[in-house]
Amino acid sequence: MKTYRAGNSNNPAGFTLLELVVVMLILTAMLGLVLPGASSVFVRNDLKTSARRLAGAVAYARSQAMLERRVQELTLDLDGGTFWTGPILDSDESDLEPTRKQTLEGEVRFMNVRKAQDEERSSGRVALRFQPKGLAEPAVIHLAGSGERVQTLSIKPFSGRCVIQDGYVE
C-alpha cells in the first residue's frame, strides 16, 4: 500500500466546471437578495438629508430659546437654499452672531413656506420664531428634490416638534 506525505499528491488539484458553475449560481442568488436592500446605501438621498438637517435646526433653535431664555429665529433663505438660527438681536447686542449658514444638499430647493393660514411664501427670506417657554411659530415647509420628489416639514406650535412627511402635505 502506497502512502503519501501530507501535501504531496500525484493527482492534479482544482475544481470541476460543474462545481464552479454551482458556486457562481449560489453567489448570484445571494447578491440578488442582498443588493436591492443595500442599494439605498450607495444612492445619495439629498432630499432626506436636507429635511433632517432642517429638522435639526428647528430643534436647535427651540432648545437655544429655552436655554438662553430669549427668542430665537430660524431664518430660511428660499432663493439661496440656505438656513441659519440665531437670537433676535437688540441694538446693543451686536456681538451675538447667528450660527453658520447651512445649505440644502444637491438639487434640493425650498418650494414654499406657510407660516399662517393665509401667508405662503416661495421666495425671499422667512423667519420662524421660537419662544423661551418652548412655543414655536407654526409652519409648513415644502422641500423639492430631483424629479418629482417632495418632503413636507411641519412645525408644531406647542411642542416645537418638527414632523417630516413624504409628499406634499397641506
N, C-alpha and C. Protein backbone atom coordinates (compact mmCIF):
# COMPACT_ATOMS: atom_id res chain seq x y z
N MET A 1 0.84 -1.17 0.00
CA MET A 1 0.00 0.00 0.00
C MET A 1 0.89 1.24 0.00
N LYS A 2 0.60 2.12 -0.92
CA LYS A 2 1.40 3.31 -1.10
C LYS A 2 0.89 4.42 -0.17
N THR A 3 1.79 5.10 0.52
CA THR A 3 1.39 6.20 1.41
C THR A 3 1.99 7.50 0.89
N TYR A 4 1.32 8.57 1.19
CA TYR A 4 1.76 9.90 0.76
C TYR A 4 1.98 10.78 1.97
N ARG A 5 2.95 11.63 1.87
CA ARG A 5 3.16 12.61 2.92
C ARG A 5 2.13 13.72 2.76
N ALA A 6 1.84 14.41 3.80
CA ALA A 6 0.85 15.49 3.75
C ALA A 6 1.28 16.55 2.75
N GLY A 7 0.37 16.94 1.89
CA GLY A 7 0.64 18.00 0.93
C GLY A 7 1.16 17.49 -0.40
N ASN A 8 1.58 16.26 -0.48
CA ASN A 8 2.07 15.72 -1.75
C ASN A 8 1.03 14.80 -2.34
N SER A 9 0.81 14.97 -3.63
CA SER A 9 -0.16 14.13 -4.30
C SER A 9 0.18 14.07 -5.77
N ASN A 10 -0.10 12.97 -6.37
CA ASN A 10 0.11 12.85 -7.81
C ASN A 10 -1.10 13.32 -8.59
N ASN A 11 -2.25 13.47 -7.91
CA ASN A 11 -3.47 13.93 -8.57
C ASN A 11 -3.46 15.45 -8.70
N PRO A 12 -3.82 16.00 -9.86
CA PRO A 12 -3.86 17.46 -10.01
C PRO A 12 -5.00 18.05 -9.18
N ALA A 13 -4.71 19.16 -8.49
CA ALA A 13 -5.72 19.82 -7.65
C ALA A 13 -6.51 20.80 -8.49
N GLY A 14 -7.77 21.04 -8.13
CA GLY A 14 -8.60 22.01 -8.85
C GLY A 14 -10.06 21.67 -8.70
N PHE A 15 -10.88 22.49 -9.34
CA PHE A 15 -12.33 22.31 -9.28
C PHE A 15 -12.85 21.96 -10.65
N THR A 16 -13.91 21.21 -10.66
CA THR A 16 -14.52 20.88 -11.94
C THR A 16 -15.37 22.06 -12.40
N LEU A 17 -15.70 22.05 -13.66
CA LEU A 17 -16.52 23.11 -14.24
C LEU A 17 -17.91 23.13 -13.57
N LEU A 18 -18.43 21.99 -13.27
CA LEU A 18 -19.74 21.89 -12.62
C LEU A 18 -19.70 22.53 -11.23
N GLU A 19 -18.65 22.29 -10.47
CA GLU A 19 -18.52 22.90 -9.13
C GLU A 19 -18.45 24.42 -9.23
N LEU A 20 -17.70 24.94 -10.18
CA LEU A 20 -17.59 26.38 -10.36
C LEU A 20 -18.93 27.00 -10.75
N VAL A 21 -19.68 26.37 -11.61
CA VAL A 21 -20.99 26.88 -12.03
C VAL A 21 -21.95 26.90 -10.85
N VAL A 22 -21.95 25.88 -10.02
CA VAL A 22 -22.84 25.83 -8.86
C VAL A 22 -22.51 26.95 -7.88
N VAL A 23 -21.24 27.19 -7.63
CA VAL A 23 -20.82 28.27 -6.72
C VAL A 23 -21.23 29.62 -7.28
N MET A 24 -21.06 29.83 -8.59
CA MET A 24 -21.45 31.09 -9.22
C MET A 24 -22.97 31.31 -9.13
N LEU A 25 -23.76 30.27 -9.29
CA LEU A 25 -25.21 30.38 -9.17
C LEU A 25 -25.63 30.75 -7.74
N ILE A 26 -24.97 30.16 -6.78
CA ILE A 26 -25.27 30.48 -5.38
C ILE A 26 -24.92 31.93 -5.07
N LEU A 27 -23.75 32.39 -5.52
CA LEU A 27 -23.34 33.78 -5.30
C LEU A 27 -24.29 34.76 -5.99
N THR A 28 -24.71 34.44 -7.20
CA THR A 28 -25.65 35.30 -7.93
C THR A 28 -26.99 35.40 -7.20
N ALA A 29 -27.48 34.29 -6.70
CA ALA A 29 -28.74 34.29 -5.95
C ALA A 29 -28.62 35.12 -4.68
N MET A 30 -27.50 35.00 -3.98
CA MET A 30 -27.31 35.76 -2.74
C MET A 30 -27.22 37.26 -3.04
N LEU A 31 -26.51 37.65 -4.08
CA LEU A 31 -26.41 39.05 -4.46
C LEU A 31 -27.78 39.60 -4.88
N GLY A 32 -28.55 38.79 -5.56
CA GLY A 32 -29.90 39.20 -5.96
C GLY A 32 -30.79 39.50 -4.77
N LEU A 33 -30.59 38.80 -3.67
CA LEU A 33 -31.38 39.05 -2.46
C LEU A 33 -30.86 40.23 -1.66
N VAL A 34 -29.55 40.41 -1.61
CA VAL A 34 -28.93 41.42 -0.77
C VAL A 34 -28.86 42.78 -1.45
N LEU A 35 -28.60 42.84 -2.72
CA LEU A 35 -28.33 44.09 -3.42
C LEU A 35 -29.48 45.09 -3.41
N PRO A 36 -30.74 44.70 -3.60
CA PRO A 36 -31.82 45.71 -3.56
C PRO A 36 -31.92 46.43 -2.21
N GLY A 37 -31.69 45.73 -1.14
CA GLY A 37 -31.72 46.37 0.18
C GLY A 37 -30.53 47.25 0.44
N ALA A 38 -29.40 46.91 -0.14
CA ALA A 38 -28.18 47.68 0.07
C ALA A 38 -28.05 48.85 -0.90
N SER A 39 -28.92 48.93 -1.91
CA SER A 39 -28.78 50.00 -2.89
C SER A 39 -29.00 51.37 -2.27
N SER A 40 -29.80 51.45 -1.22
CA SER A 40 -30.03 52.74 -0.57
C SER A 40 -28.76 53.26 0.08
N VAL A 41 -27.82 52.39 0.38
CA VAL A 41 -26.56 52.81 0.96
C VAL A 41 -25.71 53.52 -0.09
N PHE A 42 -25.80 53.07 -1.32
CA PHE A 42 -24.97 53.61 -2.39
C PHE A 42 -25.59 54.84 -3.06
N VAL A 43 -26.91 54.95 -3.05
CA VAL A 43 -27.58 56.07 -3.70
C VAL A 43 -27.70 57.22 -2.70
N ARG A 44 -27.27 58.41 -3.12
CA ARG A 44 -27.37 59.58 -2.24
C ARG A 44 -28.81 60.02 -2.17
N ASN A 45 -29.26 60.33 -0.99
CA ASN A 45 -30.63 60.79 -0.82
C ASN A 45 -30.57 62.19 -0.24
N ASP A 46 -30.32 63.16 -1.11
CA ASP A 46 -30.16 64.54 -0.69
C ASP A 46 -31.41 65.13 -0.06
N LEU A 47 -32.59 64.74 -0.53
CA LEU A 47 -33.83 65.29 -0.01
C LEU A 47 -34.02 64.92 1.46
N LYS A 48 -33.83 63.66 1.80
CA LYS A 48 -33.98 63.25 3.19
C LYS A 48 -32.91 63.86 4.08
N THR A 49 -31.69 63.96 3.56
CA THR A 49 -30.61 64.57 4.33
C THR A 49 -30.93 66.02 4.63
N SER A 50 -31.39 66.75 3.64
CA SER A 50 -31.73 68.17 3.84
C SER A 50 -32.89 68.32 4.81
N ALA A 51 -33.89 67.46 4.69
CA ALA A 51 -35.04 67.54 5.60
C ALA A 51 -34.61 67.27 7.04
N ARG A 52 -33.74 66.31 7.24
CA ARG A 52 -33.27 66.01 8.60
C ARG A 52 -32.41 67.14 9.16
N ARG A 53 -31.57 67.74 8.32
CA ARG A 53 -30.75 68.85 8.79
C ARG A 53 -31.62 70.05 9.16
N LEU A 54 -32.65 70.30 8.38
CA LEU A 54 -33.56 71.40 8.68
C LEU A 54 -34.34 71.11 9.96
N ALA A 55 -34.77 69.87 10.15
CA ALA A 55 -35.45 69.49 11.39
C ALA A 55 -34.51 69.63 12.59
N GLY A 56 -33.24 69.34 12.39
CA GLY A 56 -32.25 69.54 13.45
C GLY A 56 -32.08 71.01 13.80
N ALA A 57 -32.14 71.87 12.79
CA ALA A 57 -32.04 73.31 13.04
C ALA A 57 -33.27 73.81 13.81
N VAL A 58 -34.44 73.24 13.53
CA VAL A 58 -35.66 73.60 14.28
C VAL A 58 -35.49 73.21 15.75
N ALA A 59 -35.02 72.00 15.99
CA ALA A 59 -34.83 71.53 17.37
C ALA A 59 -33.76 72.37 18.08
N TYR A 60 -32.72 72.73 17.37
CA TYR A 60 -31.65 73.54 17.95
C TYR A 60 -32.17 74.93 18.33
N ALA A 61 -32.92 75.56 17.43
CA ALA A 61 -33.46 76.90 17.71
C ALA A 61 -34.38 76.87 18.92
N ARG A 62 -35.22 75.86 19.03
CA ARG A 62 -36.13 75.74 20.16
C ARG A 62 -35.36 75.54 21.46
N SER A 63 -34.38 74.66 21.45
CA SER A 63 -33.63 74.40 22.68
C SER A 63 -32.80 75.61 23.08
N GLN A 64 -32.23 76.34 22.13
CA GLN A 64 -31.48 77.55 22.45
C GLN A 64 -32.38 78.63 23.03
N ALA A 65 -33.60 78.74 22.52
CA ALA A 65 -34.55 79.72 23.06
C ALA A 65 -34.85 79.42 24.52
N MET A 66 -35.05 78.16 24.85
CA MET A 66 -35.35 77.79 26.23
C MET A 66 -34.10 77.90 27.11
N LEU A 67 -32.95 77.55 26.59
CA LEU A 67 -31.72 77.58 27.36
C LEU A 67 -31.28 79.02 27.66
N GLU A 68 -31.32 79.88 26.65
CA GLU A 68 -30.87 81.26 26.82
C GLU A 68 -31.97 82.20 27.31
N ARG A 69 -33.20 81.69 27.34
CA ARG A 69 -34.37 82.47 27.77
C ARG A 69 -34.52 83.75 26.94
N ARG A 70 -34.40 83.56 25.64
CA ARG A 70 -34.60 84.67 24.71
C ARG A 70 -35.12 84.10 23.39
N VAL A 71 -35.85 84.91 22.66
CA VAL A 71 -36.45 84.48 21.41
C VAL A 71 -35.36 84.17 20.39
N GLN A 72 -35.50 83.02 19.73
CA GLN A 72 -34.57 82.61 18.66
C GLN A 72 -35.32 82.59 17.33
N GLU A 73 -34.57 82.79 16.27
CA GLU A 73 -35.15 82.75 14.93
C GLU A 73 -34.44 81.71 14.08
N LEU A 74 -35.23 81.01 13.29
CA LEU A 74 -34.70 80.16 12.23
C LEU A 74 -35.01 80.90 10.94
N THR A 75 -33.97 81.34 10.25
CA THR A 75 -34.17 82.11 9.03
C THR A 75 -33.93 81.20 7.83
N LEU A 76 -34.89 81.20 6.91
CA LEU A 76 -34.82 80.40 5.70
C LEU A 76 -34.66 81.35 4.51
N ASP A 77 -33.59 81.20 3.76
CA ASP A 77 -33.40 81.97 2.54
C ASP A 77 -33.90 81.10 1.39
N LEU A 78 -35.13 81.34 0.96
CA LEU A 78 -35.77 80.47 -0.01
C LEU A 78 -35.09 80.53 -1.38
N ASP A 79 -34.56 81.68 -1.73
CA ASP A 79 -33.90 81.82 -3.03
C ASP A 79 -32.50 81.19 -3.03
N GLY A 80 -31.77 81.35 -1.94
CA GLY A 80 -30.41 80.84 -1.86
C GLY A 80 -30.29 79.41 -1.39
N GLY A 81 -31.39 78.84 -0.88
CA GLY A 81 -31.35 77.46 -0.39
C GLY A 81 -30.52 77.30 0.87
N THR A 82 -30.49 78.35 1.72
CA THR A 82 -29.73 78.28 2.96
C THR A 82 -30.64 78.55 4.15
N PHE A 83 -30.16 78.18 5.35
CA PHE A 83 -30.91 78.46 6.58
C PHE A 83 -29.91 78.57 7.72
N TRP A 84 -30.31 79.33 8.77
CA TRP A 84 -29.47 79.51 9.95
C TRP A 84 -30.34 79.92 11.12
N THR A 85 -29.80 79.73 12.33
CA THR A 85 -30.51 80.10 13.54
C THR A 85 -29.72 81.16 14.28
N GLY A 86 -30.42 81.91 15.12
CA GLY A 86 -29.76 82.91 15.93
C GLY A 86 -30.77 83.66 16.78
N PRO A 87 -30.29 84.37 17.79
CA PRO A 87 -31.19 85.15 18.64
C PRO A 87 -31.66 86.40 17.91
N ILE A 88 -32.81 86.91 18.33
CA ILE A 88 -33.25 88.21 17.84
C ILE A 88 -32.44 89.24 18.59
N LEU A 89 -31.71 90.07 17.87
CA LEU A 89 -30.75 90.98 18.48
C LEU A 89 -31.34 92.35 18.75
N ASP A 90 -30.98 92.89 19.91
CA ASP A 90 -31.25 94.30 20.20
C ASP A 90 -30.09 95.11 19.61
N SER A 91 -30.22 96.42 19.60
CA SER A 91 -29.19 97.26 19.00
C SER A 91 -27.86 97.19 19.76
N ASP A 92 -27.87 96.87 21.06
CA ASP A 92 -26.63 96.83 21.84
C ASP A 92 -26.03 95.42 21.91
N GLU A 93 -26.56 94.48 21.16
CA GLU A 93 -26.08 93.09 21.23
C GLU A 93 -25.45 92.67 19.90
N SER A 94 -24.64 93.51 19.34
CA SER A 94 -24.05 93.19 18.05
C SER A 94 -22.98 92.09 18.14
N ASP A 95 -22.55 91.75 19.34
CA ASP A 95 -21.52 90.71 19.49
C ASP A 95 -22.08 89.31 19.32
N LEU A 96 -23.41 89.14 19.47
CA LEU A 96 -24.02 87.82 19.29
C LEU A 96 -24.21 87.57 17.80
N GLU A 97 -23.79 86.41 17.37
CA GLU A 97 -23.89 86.11 15.95
C GLU A 97 -24.72 84.86 15.75
N PRO A 98 -25.39 84.77 14.60
CA PRO A 98 -26.15 83.56 14.31
C PRO A 98 -25.20 82.39 14.03
N THR A 99 -25.76 81.19 14.06
CA THR A 99 -24.96 80.02 13.72
C THR A 99 -24.59 80.10 12.24
N ARG A 100 -23.65 79.28 11.84
CA ARG A 100 -23.23 79.33 10.44
C ARG A 100 -24.37 78.87 9.53
N LYS A 101 -24.35 79.41 8.33
CA LYS A 101 -25.37 79.05 7.35
C LYS A 101 -25.20 77.59 6.93
N GLN A 102 -26.31 76.94 6.78
CA GLN A 102 -26.32 75.59 6.25
C GLN A 102 -27.01 75.63 4.90
N THR A 103 -26.55 74.82 4.00
CA THR A 103 -27.09 74.80 2.64
C THR A 103 -27.81 73.49 2.39
N LEU A 104 -28.91 73.56 1.64
CA LEU A 104 -29.62 72.36 1.24
C LEU A 104 -28.72 71.53 0.33
N GLU A 105 -28.82 70.21 0.43
CA GLU A 105 -27.96 69.29 -0.30
C GLU A 105 -28.33 69.21 -1.78
N GLY A 106 -27.33 69.05 -2.62
CA GLY A 106 -27.52 68.74 -4.05
C GLY A 106 -28.51 69.63 -4.76
N GLU A 107 -29.50 69.00 -5.37
CA GLU A 107 -30.52 69.70 -6.16
C GLU A 107 -31.75 70.07 -5.34
N VAL A 108 -31.69 69.92 -4.03
CA VAL A 108 -32.84 70.21 -3.18
C VAL A 108 -33.05 71.71 -3.10
N ARG A 109 -34.33 72.12 -3.11
CA ARG A 109 -34.67 73.54 -3.02
C ARG A 109 -35.94 73.69 -2.18
N PHE A 110 -36.13 74.90 -1.65
CA PHE A 110 -37.36 75.22 -0.95
C PHE A 110 -38.46 75.45 -2.00
N MET A 111 -39.60 74.78 -1.84
CA MET A 111 -40.74 75.05 -2.72
C MET A 111 -41.50 76.26 -2.19
N ASN A 112 -41.91 76.15 -0.91
CA ASN A 112 -42.62 77.25 -0.26
C ASN A 112 -42.64 77.01 1.24
N VAL A 113 -43.05 78.07 1.95
CA VAL A 113 -43.20 78.01 3.41
C VAL A 113 -44.51 78.68 3.75
N ARG A 114 -45.31 78.01 4.55
CA ARG A 114 -46.57 78.60 5.02
C ARG A 114 -46.46 78.78 6.53
N LYS A 115 -46.50 80.06 6.96
CA LYS A 115 -46.42 80.37 8.39
C LYS A 115 -47.79 80.43 9.02
N ALA A 116 -48.70 81.08 8.37
CA ALA A 116 -50.07 81.19 8.88
C ALA A 116 -50.99 80.65 7.79
N GLN A 117 -52.26 80.59 8.09
CA GLN A 117 -53.20 80.04 7.11
C GLN A 117 -53.14 80.78 5.78
N ASP A 118 -52.98 82.09 5.81
CA ASP A 118 -53.03 82.87 4.58
C ASP A 118 -51.67 83.31 4.08
N GLU A 119 -50.62 83.06 4.82
CA GLU A 119 -49.29 83.56 4.44
C GLU A 119 -48.43 82.43 3.91
N GLU A 120 -48.26 82.42 2.59
CA GLU A 120 -47.40 81.44 1.94
C GLU A 120 -46.38 82.17 1.09
N ARG A 121 -45.11 81.79 1.26
CA ARG A 121 -44.04 82.45 0.51
C ARG A 121 -43.23 81.40 -0.22
N SER A 122 -42.80 81.76 -1.43
CA SER A 122 -41.95 80.86 -2.20
C SER A 122 -40.65 81.54 -2.62
N SER A 123 -40.43 82.77 -2.17
CA SER A 123 -39.18 83.46 -2.45
C SER A 123 -38.87 84.42 -1.31
N GLY A 124 -37.64 84.90 -1.27
CA GLY A 124 -37.22 85.81 -0.21
C GLY A 124 -36.78 85.07 1.03
N ARG A 125 -36.85 85.77 2.16
CA ARG A 125 -36.47 85.18 3.45
C ARG A 125 -37.69 85.05 4.34
N VAL A 126 -37.70 83.96 5.10
CA VAL A 126 -38.77 83.72 6.07
C VAL A 126 -38.12 83.44 7.41
N ALA A 127 -38.59 84.13 8.45
CA ALA A 127 -38.06 83.92 9.81
C ALA A 127 -39.11 83.25 10.66
N LEU A 128 -38.75 82.14 11.27
CA LEU A 128 -39.63 81.41 12.18
C LEU A 128 -39.11 81.63 13.59
N ARG A 129 -40.01 82.03 14.49
CA ARG A 129 -39.59 82.37 15.86
C ARG A 129 -39.91 81.26 16.84
N PHE A 130 -39.00 81.13 17.82
CA PHE A 130 -39.13 80.15 18.89
C PHE A 130 -39.03 80.89 20.22
N GLN A 131 -40.02 80.70 21.07
CA GLN A 131 -40.14 81.43 22.33
C GLN A 131 -39.40 80.71 23.46
N PRO A 132 -39.00 81.46 24.50
CA PRO A 132 -38.27 80.86 25.63
C PRO A 132 -39.06 79.79 26.37
N LYS A 133 -40.37 79.82 26.31
CA LYS A 133 -41.17 78.81 27.01
C LYS A 133 -41.38 77.55 26.17
N GLY A 134 -40.72 77.47 25.01
CA GLY A 134 -40.81 76.27 24.19
C GLY A 134 -41.83 76.35 23.07
N LEU A 135 -42.58 77.44 23.00
CA LEU A 135 -43.56 77.59 21.93
C LEU A 135 -42.86 77.93 20.63
N ALA A 136 -43.43 77.47 19.53
CA ALA A 136 -42.85 77.71 18.22
C ALA A 136 -43.90 78.31 17.30
N GLU A 137 -43.44 79.08 16.36
CA GLU A 137 -44.35 79.62 15.35
C GLU A 137 -44.71 78.47 14.41
N PRO A 138 -46.00 78.15 14.27
CA PRO A 138 -46.36 77.02 13.41
C PRO A 138 -46.01 77.32 11.95
N ALA A 139 -45.52 76.31 11.27
CA ALA A 139 -45.14 76.49 9.87
C ALA A 139 -45.15 75.15 9.16
N VAL A 140 -45.31 75.23 7.84
CA VAL A 140 -45.21 74.06 6.97
C VAL A 140 -44.20 74.43 5.89
N ILE A 141 -43.15 73.60 5.78
CA ILE A 141 -42.07 73.85 4.82
C ILE A 141 -42.06 72.71 3.82
N HIS A 142 -42.07 73.07 2.53
CA HIS A 142 -42.02 72.06 1.48
C HIS A 142 -40.67 72.12 0.79
N LEU A 143 -40.01 70.96 0.72
CA LEU A 143 -38.73 70.82 0.03
C LEU A 143 -38.92 69.95 -1.20
N ALA A 144 -38.30 70.36 -2.31
CA ALA A 144 -38.38 69.59 -3.55
C ALA A 144 -37.00 69.07 -3.89
N GLY A 145 -36.96 67.82 -4.29
CA GLY A 145 -35.70 67.21 -4.69
C GLY A 145 -35.69 66.96 -6.18
N SER A 146 -34.76 66.14 -6.62
CA SER A 146 -34.68 65.83 -8.04
C SER A 146 -35.91 65.03 -8.45
N GLY A 147 -36.35 65.27 -9.66
CA GLY A 147 -37.55 64.60 -10.15
C GLY A 147 -38.79 65.21 -9.51
N GLU A 148 -39.71 64.38 -9.14
CA GLU A 148 -40.98 64.82 -8.55
C GLU A 148 -41.02 64.64 -7.04
N ARG A 149 -39.89 64.36 -6.43
CA ARG A 149 -39.88 64.05 -5.00
C ARG A 149 -40.05 65.31 -4.16
N VAL A 150 -40.92 65.22 -3.15
CA VAL A 150 -41.21 66.35 -2.26
C VAL A 150 -41.28 65.82 -0.83
N GLN A 151 -40.79 66.62 0.12
CA GLN A 151 -40.96 66.30 1.53
C GLN A 151 -41.54 67.52 2.23
N THR A 152 -42.38 67.25 3.23
CA THR A 152 -43.05 68.30 3.99
C THR A 152 -42.56 68.25 5.43
N LEU A 153 -42.17 69.41 5.96
CA LEU A 153 -41.79 69.54 7.36
C LEU A 153 -42.86 70.39 8.03
N SER A 154 -43.48 69.87 9.07
CA SER A 154 -44.50 70.59 9.81
C SER A 154 -43.97 70.90 11.21
N ILE A 155 -43.97 72.19 11.58
CA ILE A 155 -43.52 72.58 12.91
C ILE A 155 -44.75 72.78 13.77
N LYS A 156 -44.84 72.01 14.83
CA LYS A 156 -45.99 72.06 15.73
C LYS A 156 -45.83 73.23 16.71
N PRO A 157 -46.90 74.01 16.95
CA PRO A 157 -46.76 75.24 17.75
C PRO A 157 -46.47 75.02 19.23
N PHE A 158 -47.09 74.06 19.86
CA PHE A 158 -46.94 73.93 21.31
C PHE A 158 -45.72 73.10 21.71
N SER A 159 -45.43 72.08 20.93
CA SER A 159 -44.28 71.24 21.28
C SER A 159 -43.01 71.70 20.56
N GLY A 160 -43.14 72.45 19.47
CA GLY A 160 -41.98 72.86 18.69
C GLY A 160 -41.38 71.71 17.91
N ARG A 161 -42.05 70.59 17.90
CA ARG A 161 -41.57 69.39 17.24
C ARG A 161 -41.72 69.53 15.72
N CYS A 162 -40.78 68.98 14.99
CA CYS A 162 -40.80 69.03 13.53
C CYS A 162 -41.10 67.63 13.01
N VAL A 163 -42.17 67.50 12.24
CA VAL A 163 -42.57 66.22 11.69
C VAL A 163 -42.24 66.22 10.19
N ILE A 164 -41.53 65.18 9.72
CA ILE A 164 -41.16 65.07 8.32
C ILE A 164 -42.07 64.04 7.67
N GLN A 165 -42.68 64.43 6.54
CA GLN A 165 -43.57 63.53 5.80
C GLN A 165 -43.17 63.51 4.34
N ASP A 166 -43.33 62.35 3.69
CA ASP A 166 -43.09 62.25 2.26
C ASP A 166 -44.28 62.85 1.51
N GLY A 167 -44.00 63.52 0.41
CA GLY A 167 -45.04 64.10 -0.43
C GLY A 167 -45.40 65.50 0.01
N TYR A 168 -46.31 66.10 -0.76
CA TYR A 168 -46.76 67.46 -0.49
C TYR A 168 -47.98 67.39 0.41
N VAL A 169 -47.82 67.81 1.65
CA VAL A 169 -48.90 67.77 2.63
C VAL A 169 -49.28 69.20 2.97
N GLU A 170 -50.57 69.50 2.95
CA GLU A 170 -51.02 70.87 3.24
C GLU A 170 -50.86 71.21 4.67
